[in-house]
């Protein structure tokens, strides 16, 4: 099928671009940092089951700040697939093999687009550290051992507590924080990325 006669696409936030999910039309050049930032800033963590809007964009910035500089950009982008596929809760995701296959394929494309790798175990660990910090804020009485994730002692979490924003952030600000962090890391690490991606 060609792009003109199938419906396997989504329209991105700018209203001018499409992203295609069918194999013949999926293209790494259709992945843009501004689309990712805008979308993630509007997607709420925990499927919305928290007492304020806490976005995937905010979570991603937190993960990037937990990681060492060499992995920070990958940490920032570790959930970028959700800008295209939505955020599926962990228990449900394990029941959706087709979703996982598409997520894996899209992750590889994002790695190529931004010259990163998500394979380092430290990225998953930082993701779980962030999750534990967030869970302690939103679910102070929860038993995280029942969540099926790696948990951490307070002495491990405490150095990162100040990185977690306590106040609600509107989606415009969250998108800007995500994009500012992206360009900060691109500049620091001398990544070659096309500047037209930048949100003005």
N, C-alpha and C. Protein backbone atom coordinates (compact mmCIF):
# COMPACT_ATOMS: atom_id res chain seq x y z
N UNK A 1 0.84 -1.20 0.00
CA UNK A 1 0.00 0.00 0.00
C UNK A 1 0.87 1.25 0.00
N UNK A 2 0.35 2.28 -0.60
CA UNK A 2 1.07 3.55 -0.57
C UNK A 2 0.50 4.42 0.53
N UNK A 3 1.17 5.53 0.80
CA UNK A 3 0.72 6.45 1.83
C UNK A 3 -0.62 7.10 1.48
N UNK A 4 -1.02 7.03 0.25
CA UNK A 4 -2.23 7.74 -0.16
C UNK A 4 -3.50 6.93 0.03
N UNK A 5 -3.39 5.61 0.28
CA UNK A 5 -4.61 4.82 0.34
C UNK A 5 -4.67 3.86 1.52
N UNK A 6 -4.01 4.20 2.62
CA UNK A 6 -4.19 3.40 3.83
C UNK A 6 -4.33 4.33 5.03
N UNK A 7 -4.78 3.76 6.14
CA UNK A 7 -5.10 4.58 7.31
C UNK A 7 -4.23 4.21 8.52
N UNK A 8 -3.07 3.65 8.26
CA UNK A 8 -2.19 3.20 9.34
C UNK A 8 -1.25 4.31 9.78
N UNK A 9 -1.81 5.49 10.04
CA UNK A 9 -0.97 6.61 10.46
C UNK A 9 -1.68 7.40 11.55
N UNK A 10 -0.89 8.21 12.27
CA UNK A 10 -1.44 9.22 13.17
C UNK A 10 -0.95 10.58 12.69
N UNK A 11 -1.74 11.60 12.95
CA UNK A 11 -1.35 12.97 12.64
C UNK A 11 -0.66 13.55 13.86
N UNK A 12 0.51 14.15 13.67
CA UNK A 12 1.29 14.63 14.79
C UNK A 12 0.77 15.98 15.27
N UNK A 13 1.32 16.44 16.39
CA UNK A 13 0.75 17.58 17.11
C UNK A 13 0.75 18.87 16.31
N UNK A 14 1.69 19.02 15.39
CA UNK A 14 1.73 20.24 14.60
C UNK A 14 0.63 20.28 13.55
N UNK A 15 -0.01 19.11 13.29
CA UNK A 15 -1.07 19.03 12.31
C UNK A 15 -0.59 18.93 10.88
N UNK A 16 0.72 19.00 10.68
CA UNK A 16 1.29 19.01 9.34
C UNK A 16 1.99 17.69 8.99
N UNK A 17 2.29 16.88 9.99
CA UNK A 17 3.07 15.66 9.75
C UNK A 17 2.25 14.43 10.12
N UNK A 18 2.61 13.31 9.50
CA UNK A 18 2.02 12.02 9.82
C UNK A 18 3.13 11.05 10.21
N UNK A 19 2.76 10.09 11.04
CA UNK A 19 3.67 8.98 11.32
C UNK A 19 2.95 7.69 10.98
N UNK A 20 3.59 6.88 10.13
CA UNK A 20 2.98 5.65 9.62
C UNK A 20 3.50 4.44 10.39
N UNK A 21 2.60 3.48 10.65
CA UNK A 21 2.96 2.27 11.39
C UNK A 21 3.14 1.05 10.49
N UNK A 22 2.68 1.11 9.26
CA UNK A 22 2.89 -0.03 8.37
C UNK A 22 4.34 -0.07 7.91
N UNK A 23 4.87 -1.29 7.71
CA UNK A 23 6.29 -1.48 7.48
C UNK A 23 6.82 -0.69 6.30
N UNK A 24 6.07 -0.65 5.21
CA UNK A 24 6.60 -0.01 4.00
C UNK A 24 6.68 1.51 4.12
N UNK A 25 5.93 2.10 5.05
CA UNK A 25 5.91 3.56 5.15
C UNK A 25 6.56 4.10 6.43
N UNK A 26 6.88 3.24 7.40
CA UNK A 26 7.56 3.72 8.61
C UNK A 26 8.90 4.33 8.22
N UNK A 27 9.15 5.53 8.69
CA UNK A 27 10.36 6.24 8.26
C UNK A 27 10.95 7.00 9.44
N UNK A 28 12.23 6.78 9.68
CA UNK A 28 12.88 7.42 10.80
C UNK A 28 12.87 8.94 10.68
N UNK A 29 12.81 9.46 9.46
CA UNK A 29 12.80 10.91 9.26
C UNK A 29 11.48 11.55 9.69
N UNK A 30 10.46 10.73 9.97
CA UNK A 30 9.17 11.25 10.44
C UNK A 30 9.14 11.43 11.96
N UNK A 31 10.24 11.15 12.62
CA UNK A 31 10.33 11.28 14.08
C UNK A 31 10.98 12.62 14.40
N UNK A 32 10.27 13.46 15.14
CA UNK A 32 10.74 14.81 15.44
C UNK A 32 10.64 15.09 16.94
N UNK A 33 11.65 15.76 17.47
CA UNK A 33 11.71 16.00 18.91
C UNK A 33 10.57 16.88 19.40
N UNK A 34 10.10 17.83 18.59
CA UNK A 34 9.01 18.69 19.05
C UNK A 34 7.72 17.90 19.19
N UNK A 35 7.46 16.96 18.27
CA UNK A 35 6.27 16.11 18.39
C UNK A 35 6.35 15.26 19.66
N UNK A 36 7.52 14.73 19.94
CA UNK A 36 7.70 13.90 21.13
C UNK A 36 7.45 14.73 22.38
N UNK A 37 8.05 15.91 22.45
CA UNK A 37 7.91 16.76 23.64
C UNK A 37 6.46 17.14 23.89
N UNK A 38 5.78 17.58 22.85
CA UNK A 38 4.39 18.02 23.02
C UNK A 38 3.49 16.87 23.46
N UNK A 39 3.67 15.72 22.86
CA UNK A 39 2.83 14.58 23.21
C UNK A 39 3.10 14.10 24.63
N UNK A 40 4.36 13.89 24.97
CA UNK A 40 4.68 13.36 26.30
C UNK A 40 4.26 14.33 27.41
N UNK A 41 4.24 15.62 27.11
CA UNK A 41 3.85 16.60 28.13
C UNK A 41 2.36 16.51 28.45
N UNK A 42 1.59 15.88 27.57
CA UNK A 42 0.14 15.78 27.77
C UNK A 42 -0.30 14.39 28.23
N UNK A 43 0.63 13.43 28.25
CA UNK A 43 0.32 12.07 28.70
C UNK A 43 0.63 11.96 30.19
N UNK A 44 -0.36 11.58 30.96
CA UNK A 44 -0.19 11.50 32.41
C UNK A 44 0.35 10.13 32.80
N UNK A 45 1.30 10.15 33.70
CA UNK A 45 1.84 8.90 34.27
C UNK A 45 0.76 8.17 35.07
N UNK A 46 0.97 6.88 35.29
CA UNK A 46 0.09 6.05 36.11
C UNK A 46 -1.33 6.02 35.55
N UNK A 47 -1.45 6.19 34.24
CA UNK A 47 -2.75 6.15 33.57
C UNK A 47 -3.72 7.18 34.16
N UNK A 48 -3.15 8.27 34.70
CA UNK A 48 -3.97 9.33 35.27
C UNK A 48 -4.39 9.12 36.71
N UNK A 49 -3.98 8.00 37.30
CA UNK A 49 -4.39 7.70 38.67
C UNK A 49 -3.42 8.29 39.69
N UNK A 50 -3.32 9.61 39.66
CA UNK A 50 -2.52 10.34 40.64
C UNK A 50 -3.25 11.65 40.92
N UNK A 51 -2.87 12.32 41.99
CA UNK A 51 -3.68 13.46 42.44
C UNK A 51 -3.38 14.76 41.72
N UNK A 52 -2.50 14.72 40.73
CA UNK A 52 -2.29 15.85 39.83
C UNK A 52 -1.75 15.32 38.52
N UNK A 53 -1.78 16.17 37.50
CA UNK A 53 -1.23 15.73 36.21
C UNK A 53 0.29 15.73 36.30
N UNK A 54 0.85 14.54 36.25
CA UNK A 54 2.30 14.37 36.24
C UNK A 54 2.65 13.68 34.93
N UNK A 55 3.32 14.39 34.06
CA UNK A 55 3.46 13.93 32.68
C UNK A 55 4.64 13.00 32.47
N UNK A 56 4.56 12.25 31.38
CA UNK A 56 5.68 11.41 30.95
C UNK A 56 6.89 12.27 30.61
N UNK A 57 6.65 13.49 30.12
CA UNK A 57 7.77 14.41 29.85
C UNK A 57 8.54 14.73 31.13
N UNK A 58 7.82 15.00 32.22
CA UNK A 58 8.48 15.29 33.50
C UNK A 58 9.24 14.06 34.00
N UNK A 59 8.62 12.90 33.88
CA UNK A 59 9.30 11.66 34.26
C UNK A 59 10.58 11.45 33.45
N UNK A 60 10.51 11.74 32.17
CA UNK A 60 11.67 11.54 31.30
C UNK A 60 12.82 12.46 31.66
N UNK A 61 12.51 13.71 31.99
CA UNK A 61 13.55 14.64 32.43
C UNK A 61 14.18 14.13 33.72
N UNK A 62 13.35 13.64 34.64
CA UNK A 62 13.86 13.09 35.89
C UNK A 62 14.82 11.94 35.64
N UNK A 63 14.43 11.00 34.79
CA UNK A 63 15.31 9.86 34.49
C UNK A 63 16.64 10.33 33.91
N UNK A 64 16.58 11.33 33.04
CA UNK A 64 17.81 11.84 32.41
C UNK A 64 18.75 12.44 33.44
N UNK A 65 18.20 13.00 34.52
CA UNK A 65 19.03 13.64 35.54
C UNK A 65 19.57 12.63 36.56
N UNK A 66 18.96 11.48 36.65
CA UNK A 66 19.46 10.42 37.52
C UNK A 66 20.67 9.73 36.89
N UNK A 67 20.69 9.65 35.58
CA UNK A 67 21.73 8.93 34.86
C UNK A 67 23.02 9.73 34.72
N UNK A 68 24.15 9.06 34.51
CA UNK A 68 25.39 9.78 34.20
C UNK A 68 25.28 10.48 32.85
N UNK A 69 26.08 11.51 32.60
CA UNK A 69 25.96 12.30 31.37
C UNK A 69 25.98 11.48 30.08
N UNK A 70 26.75 10.42 30.05
CA UNK A 70 26.87 9.63 28.82
C UNK A 70 25.57 8.91 28.45
N UNK A 71 24.67 8.74 29.42
CA UNK A 71 23.42 8.03 29.17
C UNK A 71 22.20 8.93 29.31
N UNK A 72 22.43 10.20 29.63
CA UNK A 72 21.32 11.09 29.95
C UNK A 72 20.37 11.29 28.77
N UNK A 73 20.90 11.42 27.56
CA UNK A 73 20.02 11.62 26.40
C UNK A 73 19.16 10.38 26.14
N UNK A 74 19.75 9.21 26.25
CA UNK A 74 18.97 7.98 26.11
C UNK A 74 17.90 7.91 27.20
N UNK A 75 18.25 8.33 28.41
CA UNK A 75 17.28 8.34 29.49
C UNK A 75 16.13 9.29 29.21
N UNK A 76 16.44 10.44 28.65
CA UNK A 76 15.39 11.41 28.31
C UNK A 76 14.42 10.83 27.29
N UNK A 77 14.92 10.03 26.37
CA UNK A 77 14.12 9.51 25.26
C UNK A 77 13.61 8.09 25.48
N UNK A 78 13.83 7.53 26.66
CA UNK A 78 13.52 6.11 26.86
C UNK A 78 12.04 5.78 26.71
N UNK A 79 11.16 6.77 26.93
CA UNK A 79 9.72 6.56 26.75
C UNK A 79 9.18 7.26 25.52
N UNK A 80 10.04 7.62 24.60
CA UNK A 80 9.60 8.40 23.43
C UNK A 80 8.61 7.63 22.56
N UNK A 81 8.63 6.31 22.60
CA UNK A 81 7.66 5.53 21.83
C UNK A 81 6.22 5.90 22.22
N UNK A 82 6.04 6.34 23.46
CA UNK A 82 4.69 6.65 23.94
C UNK A 82 4.10 7.86 23.23
N UNK A 83 4.94 8.70 22.65
CA UNK A 83 4.44 9.83 21.87
C UNK A 83 3.71 9.36 20.62
N UNK A 84 4.00 8.15 20.19
CA UNK A 84 3.40 7.59 18.98
C UNK A 84 2.38 6.48 19.29
N UNK A 85 2.59 5.78 20.41
CA UNK A 85 1.79 4.59 20.71
C UNK A 85 0.92 4.75 21.95
N UNK A 86 1.09 5.84 22.68
CA UNK A 86 0.37 5.99 23.93
C UNK A 86 1.08 5.27 25.07
N UNK A 87 0.63 5.55 26.29
CA UNK A 87 1.23 4.94 27.47
C UNK A 87 0.35 3.79 27.93
N UNK A 88 0.87 2.58 27.86
CA UNK A 88 0.16 1.40 28.34
C UNK A 88 0.78 0.97 29.67
N UNK A 89 -0.05 0.74 30.67
CA UNK A 89 0.47 0.37 31.98
C UNK A 89 1.25 -0.94 31.90
N UNK A 90 2.25 -1.08 32.77
CA UNK A 90 3.13 -2.25 32.72
C UNK A 90 2.38 -3.59 32.77
N UNK A 91 1.42 -3.77 33.71
CA UNK A 91 0.75 -5.09 33.75
C UNK A 91 0.04 -5.42 32.44
N UNK A 92 -0.60 -4.44 31.82
CA UNK A 92 -1.32 -4.68 30.57
C UNK A 92 -0.35 -4.91 29.42
N UNK A 93 0.76 -4.17 29.41
CA UNK A 93 1.73 -4.30 28.31
C UNK A 93 2.25 -5.73 28.19
N UNK A 94 2.43 -6.39 29.34
CA UNK A 94 2.92 -7.77 29.31
C UNK A 94 1.93 -8.72 28.64
N UNK A 95 0.67 -8.30 28.53
CA UNK A 95 -0.36 -9.14 27.92
C UNK A 95 -0.56 -8.82 26.43
N UNK A 96 0.21 -7.89 25.91
CA UNK A 96 0.00 -7.42 24.53
C UNK A 96 1.28 -7.62 23.70
N UNK A 97 1.54 -8.85 23.25
CA UNK A 97 2.79 -9.10 22.51
C UNK A 97 2.91 -8.29 21.23
N UNK A 98 1.80 -8.06 20.53
CA UNK A 98 1.88 -7.27 19.30
C UNK A 98 2.27 -5.83 19.59
N UNK A 99 1.76 -5.30 20.69
CA UNK A 99 2.14 -3.95 21.11
C UNK A 99 3.64 -3.92 21.41
N UNK A 100 4.12 -4.91 22.13
CA UNK A 100 5.54 -4.97 22.48
C UNK A 100 6.42 -5.06 21.24
N UNK A 101 5.98 -5.81 20.24
CA UNK A 101 6.74 -5.92 19.00
C UNK A 101 6.86 -4.56 18.31
N UNK A 102 5.74 -3.83 18.23
CA UNK A 102 5.76 -2.51 17.61
C UNK A 102 6.60 -1.54 18.44
N UNK A 103 6.50 -1.63 19.76
CA UNK A 103 7.28 -0.76 20.62
C UNK A 103 8.77 -0.99 20.41
N UNK A 104 9.16 -2.26 20.28
CA UNK A 104 10.56 -2.58 20.05
C UNK A 104 11.03 -2.02 18.71
N UNK A 105 10.23 -2.18 17.67
CA UNK A 105 10.59 -1.67 16.35
C UNK A 105 10.74 -0.15 16.38
N UNK A 106 9.80 0.52 17.03
CA UNK A 106 9.85 1.98 17.10
C UNK A 106 11.02 2.45 17.96
N UNK A 107 11.33 1.71 19.02
CA UNK A 107 12.49 2.05 19.85
C UNK A 107 13.77 2.03 19.05
N UNK A 108 13.92 1.03 18.18
CA UNK A 108 15.12 0.94 17.34
C UNK A 108 15.19 2.14 16.38
N UNK A 109 14.05 2.58 15.88
CA UNK A 109 14.02 3.75 15.00
C UNK A 109 14.41 5.01 15.76
N UNK A 110 13.93 5.15 16.98
CA UNK A 110 14.25 6.33 17.79
C UNK A 110 15.74 6.32 18.13
N UNK A 111 16.28 5.16 18.43
CA UNK A 111 17.72 5.06 18.68
C UNK A 111 18.51 5.57 17.46
N UNK A 112 18.11 5.14 16.29
CA UNK A 112 18.79 5.56 15.07
C UNK A 112 18.64 7.06 14.83
N UNK A 113 17.42 7.56 15.05
CA UNK A 113 17.13 8.98 14.79
C UNK A 113 17.98 9.90 15.65
N UNK A 114 18.17 9.50 16.93
CA UNK A 114 18.84 10.40 17.86
C UNK A 114 20.22 9.89 18.32
N UNK A 115 20.70 8.85 17.65
CA UNK A 115 22.05 8.36 17.92
C UNK A 115 22.24 7.97 19.39
N UNK A 116 21.30 7.18 19.91
CA UNK A 116 21.37 6.70 21.28
C UNK A 116 21.12 5.19 21.29
N UNK A 117 21.33 4.58 22.45
CA UNK A 117 20.99 3.18 22.65
C UNK A 117 20.26 3.06 23.99
N UNK A 118 19.20 2.26 24.00
CA UNK A 118 18.44 2.05 25.23
C UNK A 118 18.81 0.74 25.92
N UNK A 119 19.90 0.11 25.49
CA UNK A 119 20.23 -1.23 25.95
C UNK A 119 20.98 -1.27 27.29
N UNK A 120 21.53 -0.15 27.73
CA UNK A 120 22.29 -0.16 28.98
C UNK A 120 21.37 -0.40 30.17
N UNK A 121 21.75 -1.34 31.03
CA UNK A 121 20.92 -1.69 32.18
C UNK A 121 20.72 -0.53 33.14
N UNK A 122 21.63 0.44 33.13
CA UNK A 122 21.49 1.60 34.01
C UNK A 122 20.26 2.43 33.67
N UNK A 123 19.84 2.41 32.40
CA UNK A 123 18.66 3.18 32.00
C UNK A 123 17.42 2.59 32.66
N UNK A 124 17.30 1.27 32.65
CA UNK A 124 16.17 0.63 33.31
C UNK A 124 16.21 0.86 34.81
N UNK A 125 17.40 0.82 35.38
CA UNK A 125 17.52 1.05 36.81
C UNK A 125 17.09 2.48 37.16
N UNK A 126 17.53 3.46 36.36
CA UNK A 126 17.15 4.85 36.61
C UNK A 126 15.65 5.04 36.44
N UNK A 127 15.06 4.34 35.48
CA UNK A 127 13.61 4.38 35.28
C UNK A 127 12.90 3.88 36.53
N UNK A 128 13.41 2.82 37.12
CA UNK A 128 12.81 2.27 38.34
C UNK A 128 13.05 3.15 39.55
N UNK A 129 14.22 3.80 39.62
CA UNK A 129 14.48 4.76 40.69
C UNK A 129 13.45 5.89 40.61
N UNK A 130 13.25 6.40 39.40
CA UNK A 130 12.26 7.47 39.20
C UNK A 130 10.88 6.99 39.58
N UNK A 131 10.53 5.77 39.17
CA UNK A 131 9.22 5.21 39.50
C UNK A 131 9.02 5.12 41.02
N UNK A 132 10.05 4.68 41.72
CA UNK A 132 9.95 4.59 43.17
C UNK A 132 9.77 5.96 43.81
N UNK A 133 10.51 6.95 43.33
CA UNK A 133 10.35 8.31 43.84
C UNK A 133 8.93 8.82 43.59
N UNK A 134 8.44 8.59 42.39
CA UNK A 134 7.09 9.04 42.03
C UNK A 134 6.03 8.31 42.85
N UNK A 135 6.23 7.00 43.03
CA UNK A 135 5.26 6.22 43.80
C UNK A 135 5.21 6.68 45.25
N UNK A 136 6.35 7.02 45.81
CA UNK A 136 6.37 7.51 47.19
C UNK A 136 5.63 8.83 47.32
N UNK A 137 5.66 9.65 46.24
CA UNK A 137 4.96 10.92 46.27
C UNK A 137 3.45 10.73 46.09
N UNK A 138 3.05 9.91 45.13
CA UNK A 138 1.63 9.77 44.80
C UNK A 138 0.91 8.66 45.58
N UNK A 139 1.67 7.65 45.99
CA UNK A 139 1.07 6.52 46.70
C UNK A 139 1.90 6.20 47.95
N UNK A 140 1.91 7.09 48.94
CA UNK A 140 2.81 6.92 50.09
C UNK A 140 2.56 5.65 50.90
N UNK A 141 1.37 5.08 50.79
CA UNK A 141 1.07 3.87 51.57
C UNK A 141 1.15 2.59 50.76
N UNK A 142 1.59 2.71 49.52
CA UNK A 142 1.64 1.53 48.65
C UNK A 142 2.80 0.62 49.02
N UNK A 143 2.60 -0.68 48.87
CA UNK A 143 3.66 -1.66 49.04
C UNK A 143 4.25 -1.94 47.65
N UNK A 144 5.39 -1.31 47.37
CA UNK A 144 5.97 -1.42 46.03
C UNK A 144 6.46 -2.81 45.71
N UNK A 145 6.64 -3.64 46.73
CA UNK A 145 7.06 -5.01 46.46
C UNK A 145 5.98 -5.77 45.69
N UNK A 146 4.75 -5.28 45.75
CA UNK A 146 3.66 -5.92 45.02
C UNK A 146 3.59 -5.44 43.57
N UNK A 147 4.38 -4.44 43.22
CA UNK A 147 4.33 -3.88 41.87
C UNK A 147 5.20 -4.66 40.88
N UNK A 148 6.01 -5.58 41.38
CA UNK A 148 6.86 -6.36 40.49
C UNK A 148 8.01 -5.57 39.90
N UNK A 149 8.49 -4.56 40.64
CA UNK A 149 9.62 -3.75 40.18
C UNK A 149 10.73 -3.79 41.22
N UNK A 150 11.92 -3.43 40.77
CA UNK A 150 13.04 -3.31 41.70
C UNK A 150 12.80 -2.12 42.61
N UNK A 151 12.95 -2.33 43.92
CA UNK A 151 12.78 -1.24 44.88
C UNK A 151 14.14 -0.87 45.46
N UNK A 152 14.21 0.31 46.07
CA UNK A 152 15.48 0.84 46.52
C UNK A 152 15.33 1.40 47.94
N UNK A 153 16.39 1.26 48.74
CA UNK A 153 16.39 1.82 50.09
C UNK A 153 16.39 3.34 50.03
N UNK A 154 15.96 3.94 51.12
CA UNK A 154 15.87 5.39 51.16
C UNK A 154 17.22 6.06 50.92
N UNK A 155 18.31 5.45 51.39
CA UNK A 155 19.61 6.08 51.20
C UNK A 155 20.02 6.13 49.73
N UNK A 156 19.47 5.23 48.92
CA UNK A 156 19.73 5.27 47.48
C UNK A 156 18.86 6.32 46.81
N UNK A 157 17.61 6.45 47.26
CA UNK A 157 16.68 7.38 46.64
C UNK A 157 16.91 8.83 47.06
N UNK A 158 17.36 9.05 48.28
CA UNK A 158 17.40 10.41 48.84
C UNK A 158 18.22 11.40 48.01
N UNK A 159 19.33 11.02 47.37
CA UNK A 159 20.07 12.02 46.57
C UNK A 159 19.28 12.57 45.39
N UNK A 160 18.22 11.87 44.99
CA UNK A 160 17.46 12.27 43.81
C UNK A 160 16.11 12.91 44.15
N UNK A 161 15.78 12.97 45.44
CA UNK A 161 14.46 13.46 45.82
C UNK A 161 14.22 14.90 45.38
N UNK A 162 15.25 15.71 45.43
CA UNK A 162 15.08 17.13 45.08
C UNK A 162 14.88 17.33 43.57
N UNK A 163 15.13 16.29 42.77
CA UNK A 163 14.93 16.40 41.32
C UNK A 163 13.46 16.25 40.95
N UNK A 164 12.66 15.74 41.88
CA UNK A 164 11.25 15.48 41.59
C UNK A 164 10.43 16.72 41.90
N UNK A 165 9.79 17.28 40.87
CA UNK A 165 8.98 18.47 41.06
C UNK A 165 7.74 18.17 41.89
N UNK A 166 7.47 19.01 42.88
CA UNK A 166 6.34 18.79 43.78
C UNK A 166 5.07 19.48 43.30
N UNK A 167 5.23 20.49 42.46
CA UNK A 167 4.07 21.26 42.01
C UNK A 167 3.65 20.84 40.61
N UNK A 168 2.37 20.98 40.33
CA UNK A 168 1.87 20.62 39.01
C UNK A 168 2.44 21.55 37.95
N UNK A 169 2.83 20.96 36.83
CA UNK A 169 3.42 21.70 35.72
C UNK A 169 2.47 21.63 34.53
N UNK A 170 2.13 22.77 33.94
CA UNK A 170 1.26 22.74 32.77
C UNK A 170 2.01 22.13 31.58
N UNK A 171 1.26 21.66 30.60
CA UNK A 171 1.88 20.88 29.53
C UNK A 171 2.83 21.72 28.67
N UNK A 172 2.56 23.02 28.52
CA UNK A 172 3.46 23.87 27.74
C UNK A 172 4.82 23.97 28.41
N UNK A 173 4.80 24.16 29.73
CA UNK A 173 6.06 24.24 30.49
C UNK A 173 6.78 22.90 30.48
N UNK A 174 6.04 21.81 30.64
CA UNK A 174 6.65 20.49 30.64
C UNK A 174 7.31 20.18 29.29
N UNK A 175 6.65 20.56 28.20
CA UNK A 175 7.23 20.35 26.87
C UNK A 175 8.51 21.16 26.71
N UNK A 176 8.50 22.39 27.19
CA UNK A 176 9.69 23.24 27.09
C UNK A 176 10.83 22.68 27.94
N UNK A 177 10.51 22.20 29.14
CA UNK A 177 11.54 21.61 29.99
C UNK A 177 12.16 20.39 29.31
N UNK A 178 11.34 19.58 28.68
CA UNK A 178 11.83 18.40 27.97
C UNK A 178 12.73 18.82 26.81
N UNK A 179 12.27 19.79 26.03
CA UNK A 179 13.05 20.21 24.85
C UNK A 179 14.32 20.93 25.26
N UNK A 180 14.24 21.76 26.29
CA UNK A 180 15.45 22.43 26.78
C UNK A 180 16.48 21.41 27.25
N UNK A 181 16.01 20.39 27.95
CA UNK A 181 16.92 19.35 28.41
C UNK A 181 17.53 18.60 27.22
N UNK A 182 16.73 18.35 26.21
CA UNK A 182 17.23 17.69 25.01
C UNK A 182 18.38 18.47 24.38
N UNK A 183 18.16 19.76 24.13
CA UNK A 183 19.20 20.55 23.47
C UNK A 183 20.41 20.77 24.36
N UNK A 184 20.21 20.82 25.66
CA UNK A 184 21.34 20.89 26.59
C UNK A 184 22.22 19.65 26.45
N UNK A 185 21.59 18.48 26.38
CA UNK A 185 22.34 17.23 26.27
C UNK A 185 22.97 17.05 24.90
N UNK A 186 22.26 17.47 23.86
CA UNK A 186 22.82 17.42 22.51
C UNK A 186 24.09 18.26 22.43
N UNK A 187 24.02 19.46 23.00
CA UNK A 187 25.19 20.35 22.96
C UNK A 187 26.33 19.78 23.78
N UNK A 188 26.02 19.25 24.97
CA UNK A 188 27.07 18.72 25.84
C UNK A 188 27.78 17.53 25.22
N UNK A 189 27.01 16.69 24.55
CA UNK A 189 27.57 15.45 24.02
C UNK A 189 27.95 15.53 22.55
N UNK A 190 27.80 16.72 21.95
CA UNK A 190 28.17 16.94 20.56
C UNK A 190 27.50 15.97 19.61
N UNK A 191 26.23 15.64 19.89
CA UNK A 191 25.46 14.81 18.96
C UNK A 191 25.12 15.62 17.72
N UNK A 192 25.18 14.97 16.57
CA UNK A 192 24.82 15.62 15.31
C UNK A 192 23.34 15.36 15.06
N UNK A 193 22.50 16.35 15.35
CA UNK A 193 21.06 16.22 15.19
C UNK A 193 20.56 17.44 14.45
N UNK A 194 19.70 17.25 13.50
CA UNK A 194 19.19 18.35 12.68
C UNK A 194 18.45 19.38 13.52
N UNK A 195 18.85 20.65 13.43
CA UNK A 195 18.29 21.67 14.31
C UNK A 195 16.84 22.04 13.98
N UNK A 196 16.32 21.58 12.86
CA UNK A 196 14.92 21.93 12.57
C UNK A 196 13.96 21.28 13.53
N UNK A 197 14.42 20.28 14.33
CA UNK A 197 13.57 19.62 15.32
C UNK A 197 13.20 20.56 16.47
N UNK A 198 13.97 21.62 16.67
CA UNK A 198 13.84 22.40 17.89
C UNK A 198 12.52 23.15 17.98
N UNK A 199 11.89 23.12 19.17
CA UNK A 199 10.71 23.95 19.42
C UNK A 199 11.18 25.37 19.64
N UNK A 200 10.61 26.31 18.91
CA UNK A 200 10.97 27.71 19.07
C UNK A 200 10.20 28.29 20.24
